[in-house]
Amino acid sequence: MSKNKFLLVILLFTLMAAGAGFWYQYQNRAIPSDAHYPKLQGIPILMYHKVNPDPRTGGLGLRVPPDKFDWQMRYLKENGYEAISLADVMDHFEKGKHLPDKPVVITFDDGYKDNYDFAYPIMKKYGFTGTIFVVSRSIGNTNFYDVEKKLQPENKIMGWKEIRELDQAGFVIGAHTVDHPHLAKVSMEAARYQIEESKRALEHGLQKPVDFFCYPYGSHNDTVANLVKEAGYRAAVTTQLGLAKLDADPFKTPRIRVTGHYSKEKFIEELHKY
């Protein structure tokens, strides 16, 4: 092979590799449009737990890697979704408050420190805020309740510094009990303590009302829901799947679960399927 032919082959291979690299980057960055989907007949409330790149912090059932989370937030942003609060949802249902055309609520259960370290900067980049449901006795500590039951590896939970900063940034801080029990499996007195004391502790630390509650493990029944209502909360979210709707019980509000197993296509499917 002559020198000129050899150089031509090298050039062709270089161009092909560059083209493949560009195509991969384009595919990785491209955000599909959801214009072909019908308008949602309700408000999607996304349910996250951990946003963390480290597999040692737990499996993908509760952990979404930051690169996936970033793509999901960008999908929402580029398709015209606007993040609203649970207070906005209740004001819309109860008082007719106007909402954006494509509202979404972004929630996190447990109060992991990685919500502050990884999720918060990504959400800030896209102009989103969310709601974080905190287990009051775990603040500045770890997820002891899951570690004791051997359900999850030990993870750090946010301290008051991070919680207050998120509150100041427009995030809503909600209650997730004192130490994360199955509320439907404990006595009424124990459930009342978990519901009321977590509210009191968070309101003392934030110096403002705490209006929203999340059932640990999704565990609740009519009695538990009534206790949440009696404690002075406006609404509570569950792990039941679906959209928030006007004619639904505000103390049994469904959400859309997001896990780290979801592909881009699966995330879009889950957002639009209910």
Protein backbone atom coordinates (compact mmCIF):
# COMPACT_ATOMS: atom_id res chain seq x y z
CA MET A 1 0.00 0.00 0.00
CA SER A 2 1.35 3.41 -1.01
CA LYS A 3 1.91 6.10 1.58
CA ASN A 4 -0.95 8.23 0.17
CA LYS A 5 -3.41 5.31 0.30
CA PHE A 6 -2.32 4.51 3.84
CA LEU A 7 -2.90 8.12 4.92
CA LEU A 8 -6.31 8.08 3.20
CA VAL A 9 -7.36 4.94 5.11
CA ILE A 10 -6.24 6.49 8.40
CA LEU A 11 -8.21 9.66 7.59
CA LEU A 12 -11.36 7.65 6.77
CA PHE A 13 -11.12 5.67 10.02
CA THR A 14 -10.62 8.91 11.97
CA LEU A 15 -13.67 10.52 10.38
CA MET A 16 -15.78 7.40 11.01
CA ALA A 17 -14.72 7.31 14.68
CA ALA A 18 -15.44 11.02 15.08
CA GLY A 19 -18.84 10.58 13.45
CA ALA A 20 -19.68 7.66 15.72
CA GLY A 21 -18.61 9.68 18.73
CA PHE A 22 -20.74 12.62 17.64
CA TRP A 23 -23.75 10.36 17.03
CA TYR A 24 -23.35 8.76 20.47
CA GLN A 25 -23.17 12.17 22.12
CA TYR A 26 -26.18 13.37 20.11
CA GLN A 27 -28.20 10.30 21.07
CA ASN A 28 -27.17 10.65 24.69
CA ARG A 29 -28.13 14.34 24.78
CA ALA A 30 -31.23 14.24 22.59
CA ILE A 31 -34.47 14.75 24.51
CA PRO A 32 -37.59 13.29 22.87
CA SER A 33 -40.75 15.36 22.64
CA ASP A 34 -43.87 14.21 24.48
CA ALA A 35 -46.17 16.27 22.25
CA HIS A 36 -47.90 13.11 20.98
CA TYR A 37 -49.06 12.14 24.47
CA PRO A 38 -52.54 13.27 25.59
CA LYS A 39 -52.74 15.82 28.40
CA LEU A 40 -52.47 14.13 31.80
CA GLN A 41 -55.77 13.90 33.66
CA GLY A 42 -54.20 14.67 37.01
CA ILE A 43 -50.95 15.90 38.52
CA PRO A 44 -47.87 13.65 38.49
CA ILE A 45 -46.03 13.45 41.82
CA LEU A 46 -42.67 11.75 41.32
CA MET A 47 -41.30 9.63 44.17
CA TYR A 48 -37.52 9.40 44.60
CA HIS A 49 -35.36 8.25 47.49
CA LYS A 50 -31.59 8.39 46.92
CA VAL A 51 -29.75 10.20 44.12
CA ASN A 52 -26.26 8.77 44.41
CA PRO A 53 -23.55 7.38 42.10
CA ASP A 54 -22.12 5.01 44.74
CA PRO A 55 -23.49 1.43 44.56
CA ARG A 56 -22.30 0.87 48.14
CA THR A 57 -25.16 3.10 49.31
CA GLY A 58 -27.74 0.61 48.07
CA GLY A 59 -29.38 -0.98 45.08
CA LEU A 60 -31.17 0.70 42.21
CA GLY A 61 -34.59 0.05 43.73
CA LEU A 62 -34.16 3.18 45.85
CA ARG A 63 -31.10 4.78 44.22
CA VAL A 64 -31.11 6.78 40.99
CA PRO A 65 -27.61 7.62 39.67
CA PRO A 66 -27.10 11.38 39.19
CA ASP A 67 -26.59 11.09 35.41
CA LYS A 68 -30.00 9.42 35.05
CA PHE A 69 -31.59 11.95 37.37
CA ASP A 70 -30.07 14.79 35.35
CA TRP A 71 -31.52 13.36 32.13
CA GLN A 72 -34.95 12.99 33.75
CA MET A 73 -34.95 16.58 34.98
CA ARG A 74 -33.82 17.77 31.56
CA TYR A 75 -36.59 15.77 29.91
CA LEU A 76 -39.13 17.49 32.15
CA LYS A 77 -37.62 20.93 31.55
CA GLU A 78 -37.35 20.64 27.77
CA ASN A 79 -40.90 19.29 27.51
CA GLY A 80 -42.34 22.27 29.36
CA TYR A 81 -43.00 20.83 32.81
CA GLU A 82 -42.92 23.22 35.75
CA ALA A 83 -42.21 22.05 39.30
CA ILE A 84 -44.92 22.99 41.78
CA SER A 85 -45.37 22.23 45.47
CA LEU A 86 -47.89 20.05 47.26
CA ALA A 87 -49.33 23.29 48.65
CA ASP A 88 -49.96 24.40 45.06
CA VAL A 89 -51.71 21.09 44.39
CA MET A 90 -53.98 21.45 47.42
CA ASP A 91 -54.67 25.12 46.66
CA HIS A 92 -55.65 24.12 43.14
CA PHE A 93 -58.02 21.39 44.33
CA GLU A 94 -59.47 23.35 47.26
CA LYS A 95 -59.43 26.94 46.02
CA GLY A 96 -59.13 26.74 42.26
CA LYS A 97 -55.58 28.13 42.16
CA HIS A 98 -54.26 28.34 38.61
CA LEU A 99 -51.47 25.88 37.78
CA PRO A 100 -49.08 25.79 34.84
CA ASP A 101 -50.14 23.72 31.83
CA LYS A 102 -47.74 20.88 32.71
CA PRO A 103 -47.22 20.75 36.48
CA VAL A 104 -45.10 18.15 38.25
CA VAL A 105 -44.26 17.60 41.93
CA ILE A 106 -40.84 16.10 42.74
CA THR A 107 -40.62 14.33 46.10
CA PHE A 108 -37.90 12.50 48.03
CA ASP A 109 -38.48 10.13 50.93
CA ASP A 110 -36.25 9.84 54.04
CA GLY A 111 -34.01 12.90 53.73
CA TYR A 112 -30.78 11.32 52.52
CA LYS A 113 -27.81 13.65 52.42
CA ASP A 114 -27.29 12.78 48.77
CA ASN A 115 -30.53 14.66 48.05
CA TYR A 116 -28.60 17.78 49.04
CA ASP A 117 -25.25 16.71 47.52
CA PHE A 118 -26.48 15.48 44.13
CA ALA A 119 -30.20 16.08 43.50
CA TYR A 120 -30.30 19.69 44.67
CA PRO A 121 -27.59 21.04 42.30
CA ILE A 122 -29.20 19.27 39.34
CA MET A 123 -32.67 20.57 40.19
CA LYS A 124 -31.27 24.05 40.72
CA LYS A 125 -29.72 23.92 37.26
CA TYR A 126 -33.16 23.32 35.72
CA GLY A 127 -35.02 25.73 37.99
CA PHE A 128 -36.87 23.01 39.91
CA THR A 129 -37.70 22.66 43.60
CA GLY A 130 -39.17 19.68 45.41
CA THR A 131 -40.44 18.20 48.64
CA ILE A 132 -38.29 16.16 51.02
CA PHE A 133 -39.95 13.99 53.66
CA VAL A 134 -37.67 13.73 56.68
CA VAL A 135 -37.55 11.16 59.49
CA SER A 136 -37.13 13.49 62.46
CA ARG A 137 -34.97 11.29 64.71
CA SER A 138 -32.56 10.56 61.86
CA ILE A 139 -31.66 14.20 61.17
CA GLY A 140 -27.87 14.51 61.19
CA ASN A 141 -27.66 10.78 61.73
CA THR A 142 -28.17 7.76 59.45
CA ASN A 143 -31.00 5.57 58.16
CA PHE A 144 -30.79 3.49 61.34
CA TYR A 145 -34.34 2.20 60.87
CA ASP A 146 -33.39 0.34 57.67
CA VAL A 147 -29.95 -0.69 58.90
CA GLU A 148 -31.42 -2.31 62.03
CA LYS A 149 -33.81 -4.32 59.85
CA LYS A 150 -31.01 -5.13 57.37
CA LEU A 151 -33.04 -3.58 54.55
CA GLN A 152 -30.44 -1.05 53.34
CA PRO A 153 -26.75 -0.17 53.83
CA GLU A 154 -26.00 2.71 56.16
CA ASN A 155 -26.55 6.11 54.51
CA LYS A 156 -26.06 9.61 55.85
CA ILE A 157 -29.16 11.73 56.46
CA MET A 158 -29.15 15.51 56.10
CA GLY A 159 -28.53 17.68 59.15
CA TRP A 160 -30.38 20.85 60.03
CA LYS A 161 -27.91 22.97 58.06
CA GLU A 162 -28.80 21.24 54.79
CA ILE A 163 -32.51 21.03 55.61
CA ARG A 164 -32.72 24.75 56.39
CA GLU A 165 -30.80 25.65 53.24
CA LEU A 166 -33.20 23.63 51.09
CA ASP A 167 -36.14 25.23 52.90
CA GLN A 168 -34.72 28.68 52.13
CA ALA A 169 -34.22 27.65 48.50
CA GLY A 170 -37.93 26.94 48.13
CA PHE A 171 -38.05 23.23 48.88
CA VAL A 172 -40.87 21.96 51.08
CA ILE A 173 -39.87 19.90 54.11
CA GLY A 174 -42.45 17.30 55.06
CA ALA A 175 -42.75 14.80 57.90
CA HIS A 176 -41.96 11.09 57.56
CA THR A 177 -42.52 10.07 61.23
CA VAL A 178 -40.03 9.97 64.10
CA ASP A 179 -38.29 6.68 63.31
CA HIS A 180 -39.95 5.20 60.21
CA PRO A 181 -42.29 2.43 61.44
CA HIS A 182 -45.07 0.65 59.56
CA LEU A 183 -47.87 2.86 60.87
CA ALA A 184 -50.61 0.38 59.99
CA LYS A 185 -48.91 -2.26 62.17
CA VAL A 186 -48.45 -0.27 65.39
CA SER A 187 -51.00 0.77 68.01
CA MET A 188 -53.11 3.86 67.49
CA GLU A 189 -51.24 5.57 70.34
CA ALA A 190 -47.87 4.76 68.79
CA ALA A 191 -49.02 5.93 65.35
CA ARG A 192 -50.36 9.19 66.80
CA TYR A 193 -47.03 9.84 68.52
CA GLN A 194 -45.07 9.22 65.28
CA ILE A 195 -47.33 11.53 63.31
CA GLU A 196 -47.63 14.36 65.82
CA GLU A 197 -44.09 14.35 67.25
CA SER A 198 -42.40 14.42 63.83
CA LYS A 199 -44.50 17.45 62.93
CA ARG A 200 -43.63 19.18 66.19
CA ALA A 201 -39.89 18.47 65.83
CA LEU A 202 -39.72 19.75 62.26
CA GLU A 203 -41.78 22.84 63.00
CA HIS A 204 -39.50 23.62 65.95
CA GLY A 205 -36.40 23.26 63.77
CA LEU A 206 -37.77 25.20 60.81
CA GLN A 207 -39.83 27.74 62.75
CA LYS A 208 -42.69 27.34 60.27
CA PRO A 209 -45.68 25.03 59.75
CA VAL A 210 -45.14 21.55 58.35
CA ASP A 211 -48.22 20.69 56.33
CA PHE A 212 -47.43 17.48 54.47
CA PHE A 213 -46.83 13.89 55.52
CA CYS A 214 -45.51 10.72 53.91
CA TYR A 215 -46.29 7.19 55.15
CA PRO A 216 -43.13 5.08 55.69
CA TYR A 217 -43.16 2.01 53.44
CA GLY A 218 -46.51 3.34 52.23
CA SER A 219 -48.04 1.69 55.30
CA HIS A 220 -51.41 3.23 56.19
CA ASN A 221 -55.11 2.55 56.63
CA ASP A 222 -58.18 4.67 57.29
CA THR A 223 -57.33 5.05 60.98
CA VAL A 224 -53.78 6.22 60.24
CA ALA A 225 -55.01 8.63 57.56
CA ASN A 226 -57.49 10.11 60.02
CA LEU A 227 -54.71 10.56 62.60
CA VAL A 228 -52.68 12.49 60.02
CA LYS A 229 -55.67 14.71 59.31
CA GLU A 230 -56.34 15.27 63.03
CA ALA A 231 -52.68 16.24 63.56
CA GLY A 232 -53.21 19.27 61.32
CA TYR A 233 -51.55 18.21 58.06
CA ARG A 234 -53.12 19.30 54.77
CA ALA A 235 -52.36 16.10 52.86
CA ALA A 236 -50.32 12.91 52.86
CA VAL A 237 -48.66 10.94 50.08
CA THR A 238 -48.54 7.19 49.66
CA THR A 239 -46.61 4.69 47.55
CA GLN A 240 -49.74 3.82 45.61
CA LEU A 241 -49.29 4.47 41.91
CA GLY A 242 -51.24 7.10 40.04
CA LEU A 243 -51.88 10.81 39.61
CA ALA A 244 -53.16 13.33 42.14
CA LYS A 245 -56.77 14.14 41.28
CA LEU A 246 -59.46 16.51 42.46
CA ASP A 247 -61.89 13.81 43.58
CA ALA A 248 -59.32 11.75 45.53
CA ASP A 249 -58.70 11.64 49.30
CA PRO A 250 -55.89 14.18 49.96
CA PHE A 251 -54.59 11.92 52.74
CA LYS A 252 -54.12 9.02 50.33
CA THR A 253 -52.40 10.86 47.47
CA PRO A 254 -50.74 8.53 44.94
CA ARG A 255 -47.36 9.08 43.31
CA ILE A 256 -45.24 7.80 40.42
CA ARG A 257 -42.28 5.75 41.60
CA VAL A 258 -38.90 6.31 39.94
CA THR A 259 -36.10 3.78 40.38
CA GLY A 260 -32.54 3.56 39.15
CA HIS A 261 -33.50 0.59 36.99
CA TYR A 262 -35.54 2.78 34.65
CA SER A 263 -34.28 3.39 31.15
CA LYS A 264 -35.08 6.71 29.52
CA GLU A 265 -37.99 5.06 27.72
CA LYS A 266 -39.30 3.53 30.95
CA PHE A 267 -39.20 6.89 32.75
CA ILE A 268 -41.25 8.49 29.97
CA GLU A 269 -43.67 5.56 29.96
CA GLU A 270 -44.21 5.76 33.74
CA LEU A 271 -44.78 9.51 33.59
CA HIS A 272 -47.55 9.15 31.01
CA LYS A 273 -49.20 5.81 31.76
CA TYR A 274 -51.64 6.71 34.58
